[in-house]
C-alpha atoms as a PDB file:
ATOM      1  CA  MET A   1      47.624  64.969 -14.662  1.00  0.00           C
ATOM      2  CA  ALA A   2      45.892  67.396 -12.325  1.00  0.00           C
ATOM      3  CA  THR A   3      42.738  65.261 -12.295  1.00  0.00           C
ATOM      4  CA  GLN A   4      44.797  62.172 -11.416  1.00  0.00           C
ATOM      5  CA  ILE A   5      46.076  63.835  -8.249  1.00  0.00           C
ATOM      6  CA  ASN A   6      42.658  65.338  -7.573  1.00  0.00           C
ATOM      7  CA  ILE A   7      40.783  62.021  -7.851  1.00  0.00           C
ATOM      8  CA  ASP A   8      43.467  60.146  -5.918  1.00  0.00           C
ATOM      9  CA  ALA A   9      43.377  62.701  -3.116  1.00  0.00           C
ATOM     10  CA  ARG A  10      39.581  62.500  -2.963  1.00  0.00           C
ATOM     11  CA  THR A  11      39.560  58.709  -2.827  1.00  0.00           C
ATOM     12  CA  GLN A  12      42.241  58.805  -0.133  1.00  0.00           C
ATOM     13  CA  ARG A  13      40.083  61.198   1.916  1.00  0.00           C
ATOM     14  CA  LEU A  14      37.070  58.953   1.481  1.00  0.00           C
ATOM     15  CA  ARG A  15      39.068  55.843   2.376  1.00  0.00           C
ATOM     16  CA  ASP A  16      40.331  57.534   5.549  1.00  0.00           C
ATOM     17  CA  ALA A  17      36.777  58.567   6.451  1.00  0.00           C
ATOM     18  CA  LEU A  18      35.574  54.982   5.924  1.00  0.00           C
ATOM     19  CA  GLU A  19      38.330  53.737   8.204  1.00  0.00           C
ATOM     20  CA  LYS A  20      37.480  56.274  10.891  1.00  0.00           C
ATOM     21  CA  ALA A  21      33.703  55.762  10.772  1.00  0.00           C
ATOM     22  CA  LEU A  22      33.419  52.034  10.098  1.00  0.00           C
ATOM     23  CA  GLY A  23      36.859  50.657  10.941  1.00  0.00           C
ATOM     24  CA  VAL A  24      37.385  49.486   7.357  1.00  0.00           C
ATOM     25  CA  LYS A  25      41.065  49.055   6.529  1.00  0.00           C
ATOM     26  CA  ALA A  26      41.991  48.501   2.899  1.00  0.00           C
ATOM     27  CA  ARG A  27      44.715  49.386   0.444  1.00  0.00           C
ATOM     28  CA  SER A  28      42.402  50.854  -2.180  1.00  0.00           C
ATOM     29  CA  PHE A  29      39.111  52.700  -2.217  1.00  0.00           C
ATOM     30  CA  ASP A  30      37.399  49.854  -4.104  1.00  0.00           C
ATOM     31  CA  ALA A  31      38.514  47.337  -1.496  1.00  0.00           C
ATOM     32  CA  ALA A  32      37.315  49.633   1.290  1.00  0.00           C
ATOM     33  CA  LEU A  33      33.893  49.854  -0.370  1.00  0.00           C
ATOM     34  CA  ARG A  34      33.681  46.078  -0.648  1.00  0.00           C
ATOM     35  CA  LYS A  35      34.635  45.665   3.006  1.00  0.00           C
ATOM     36  CA  ALA A  36      32.120  48.287   4.114  1.00  0.00           C
ATOM     37  CA  GLY A  37      29.418  46.384   2.256  1.00  0.00           C
ATOM     38  CA  ARG A  38      25.977  46.664   3.785  1.00  0.00           C
ATOM     39  CA  ARG A  39      27.107  48.938   6.578  1.00  0.00           C
ATOM     40  CA  LEU A  40      26.682  51.740   4.044  1.00  0.00           C
ATOM     41  CA  PRO A  41      23.200  52.588   2.783  1.00  0.00           C
ATOM     42  CA  LYS A  42      22.451  51.691  -0.818  1.00  0.00           C
ATOM     43  CA  ALA A  43      22.365  55.328  -1.949  1.00  0.00           C
ATOM     44  CA  VAL A  44      25.763  56.054  -0.413  1.00  0.00           C
ATOM     45  CA  ARG A  45      27.243  52.923  -2.017  1.00  0.00           C
ATOM     46  CA  ARG A  46      25.925  54.045  -5.407  1.00  0.00           C
ATOM     47  CA  GLN A  47      27.495  57.459  -4.895  1.00  0.00           C
ATOM     48  CA  ALA A  48      30.780  55.880  -3.869  1.00  0.00           C
ATOM     49  CA  GLU A  49      30.726  53.790  -7.036  1.00  0.00           C
ATOM     50  CA  VAL A  50      30.662  57.042  -9.027  1.00  0.00           C
ATOM     51  CA  VAL A  51      33.954  58.029  -7.406  1.00  0.00           C
ATOM     52  CA  ALA A  52      35.386  54.540  -7.925  1.00  0.00           C
ATOM     53  CA  ARG A  53      34.484  54.617 -11.634  1.00  0.00           C
ATOM     54  CA  ALA A  54      36.017  58.061 -11.943  1.00  0.00           C
ATOM     55  CA  GLN A  55      39.209  56.775 -10.367  1.00  0.00           C
ATOM     56  CA  ALA A  56      39.300  53.838 -12.793  1.00  0.00           C
ATOM     57  CA  ILE A  57      38.711  56.106 -15.807  1.00  0.00           C
ATOM     58  CA  ASP A  58      41.269  58.605 -14.549  1.00  0.00           C
ATOM     59  CA  GLY A  59      44.080  56.188 -15.327  1.00  0.00           C
ATOM     60  CA  HIS A  60      43.249  56.233 -19.033  1.00  0.00           C
ATOM     61  CA  PRO A  61      44.545  59.344 -20.854  1.00  0.00           C
ATOM     62  CA  LYS A  62      41.809  59.529 -23.491  1.00  0.00           C
ATOM     63  CA  LEU A  63      38.901  58.708 -21.193  1.00  0.00           C
ATOM     64  CA  ARG A  64      40.056  61.090 -18.476  1.00  0.00           C
ATOM     65  CA  HIS A  65      38.215  63.948 -20.186  1.00  0.00           C
ATOM     66  CA  THR A  66      34.862  62.192 -19.742  1.00  0.00           C
ATOM     67  CA  ILE A  67      34.951  62.430 -15.943  1.00  0.00           C
ATOM     68  CA  ASP A  68      32.277  64.698 -14.509  1.00  0.00           C
ATOM     69  CA  THR A  69      34.371  66.413 -11.831  1.00  0.00           C
ATOM     70  CA  ASP A  70      31.403  68.381 -10.488  1.00  0.00           C
ATOM     71  CA  ALA A  71      29.544  65.146  -9.816  1.00  0.00           C
ATOM     72  CA  VAL A  72      32.613  63.634  -8.149  1.00  0.00           C
ATOM     73  CA  VAL A  73      32.990  66.676  -5.875  1.00  0.00           C
ATOM     74  CA  ARG A  74      29.278  66.677  -4.997  1.00  0.00           C
ATOM     75  CA  VAL A  75      29.255  62.950  -4.288  1.00  0.00           C
ATOM     76  CA  GLU A  76      32.390  63.207  -2.165  1.00  0.00           C
ATOM     77  CA  THR A  77      30.886  65.882   0.063  1.00  0.00           C
ATOM     78  CA  GLU A  78      27.659  63.872   0.454  1.00  0.00           C
ATOM     79  CA  ILE A  79      29.545  60.704   1.387  1.00  0.00           C
ATOM     80  CA  LEU A  80      31.751  62.561   3.855  1.00  0.00           C
ATOM     81  CA  ALA A  81      28.671  64.182   5.394  1.00  0.00           C
ATOM     82  CA  HIS A  82      27.069  60.769   5.841  1.00  0.00           C
ATOM     83  CA  LEU A  83      30.212  59.235   7.320  1.00  0.00           C
ATOM     84  CA  LYS A  84      30.504  62.079   9.840  1.00  0.00           C
ATOM     85  CA  THR A  85      27.078  61.141  11.235  1.00  0.00           C
ATOM     86  CA  ILE A  86      28.218  57.608  12.093  1.00  0.00           C
ATOM     87  CA  ASP A  87      29.257  57.108  15.713  1.00  0.00           C
ATOM     88  CA  PRO A  88      31.592  54.103  16.105  1.00  0.00           C
ATOM     89  CA  ALA A  89      31.026  53.949  19.874  1.00  0.00           C
ATOM     90  CA  ASP A  90      27.267  53.743  19.345  1.00  0.00           C
ATOM     91  CA  GLN A  91      27.755  50.934  16.832  1.00  0.00           C
ATOM     92  CA  ARG A  92      29.903  48.990  19.311  1.00  0.00           C
ATOM     93  CA  ARG A  93      27.291  49.536  22.012  1.00  0.00           C
ATOM     94  CA  GLY A  94      24.566  48.316  19.650  1.00  0.00           C
ATOM     95  CA  ARG A  95      26.496  45.161  18.762  1.00  0.00           C
ATOM     96  CA  ARG A  96      27.064  44.393  22.443  1.00  0.00           C
ATOM     97  CA  LEU A  97      23.397  44.946  23.281  1.00  0.00           C
ATOM     98  CA  GLY A  98      22.365  42.747  20.369  1.00  0.00           C
ATOM     99  CA  LEU A  99      24.663  39.965  21.538  1.00  0.00           C
ATOM    100  CA  ALA A 100      23.354  40.304  25.109  1.00  0.00           C
ATOM    101  CA  GLY A 101      19.784  40.073  23.800  1.00  0.00           C
ATOM    102  CA  VAL A 102      20.543  36.867  21.909  1.00  0.00           C
ATOM    103  CA  ILE A 103      22.179  35.310  24.974  1.00  0.00           C
ATOM    104  CA  VAL A 104      19.271  36.245  27.255  1.00  0.00           C
ATOM    105  CA  PHE A 105      16.731  34.910  24.764  1.00  0.00           C
ATOM    106  CA  ASN A 106      18.593  31.606  24.451  1.00  0.00           C
ATOM    107  CA  MET A 107      18.803  31.299  28.235  1.00  0.00           C
ATOM    108  CA  LEU A 108      15.039  31.890  28.525  1.00  0.00           C
ATOM    109  CA  VAL A 109      14.365  29.190  25.935  1.00  0.00           C
ATOM    110  CA  VAL A 110      16.622  26.692  27.735  1.00  0.00           C
ATOM    111  CA  VAL A 111      15.046  27.430  31.150  1.00  0.00           C
ATOM    112  CA  THR A 112      11.541  27.158  29.680  1.00  0.00           C
ATOM    113  CA  LEU A 113      12.364  23.840  28.028  1.00  0.00           C
ATOM    114  CA  PHE A 114      13.877  22.590  31.281  1.00  0.00           C
ATOM    115  CA  ILE A 115      10.721  23.494  33.221  1.00  0.00           C
ATOM    116  CA  VAL A 116       8.550  21.853  30.554  1.00  0.00           C
ATOM    117  CA  TRP A 117      10.701  18.710  30.818  1.00  0.00           C
ATOM    118  CA  LEU A 118      10.381  18.725  34.629  1.00  0.00           C
ATOM    119  CA  VAL A 119       6.590  18.984  34.377  1.00  0.00           C
ATOM    120  CA  TRP A 120       6.401  16.347  31.638  1.00  0.00           C
ATOM    121  CA  SER A 121       8.556  13.847  33.546  1.00  0.00           C
ATOM    122  CA  GLY A 122       6.580  14.373  36.779  1.00  0.00           C
ATOM    123  CA  HIS A 123       9.342  15.947  38.900  1.00  0.00           C
ATOM    124  CA  LEU A 124       7.412  19.155  39.377  1.00  0.00           C
END
């Protein structure tokens, strides 16, 4: 029973860290991982799957003994270290700059096409 509480507490900590770093809100750790999706690097997702599998196995009394708790602890610290490096404000700023870039590019295309049309029709 001690591993059940231990694994549940670890997944809760990881879920809270995902919510803080990426804004992912979910009821379970598995759902939070699915919602985070590609915002997490592939290596971090693989590590998080180790914790998710351990949580799934932890519910079974006979399989509980097969959980590698050292690996779960190591993976948890690595995931938390990665999530601490993520700056949500920087991500918001990047999304806004990306959107502004798309808008400016589209405006340039429209203006260029308009000028080409003016030249083609003989107005300029």
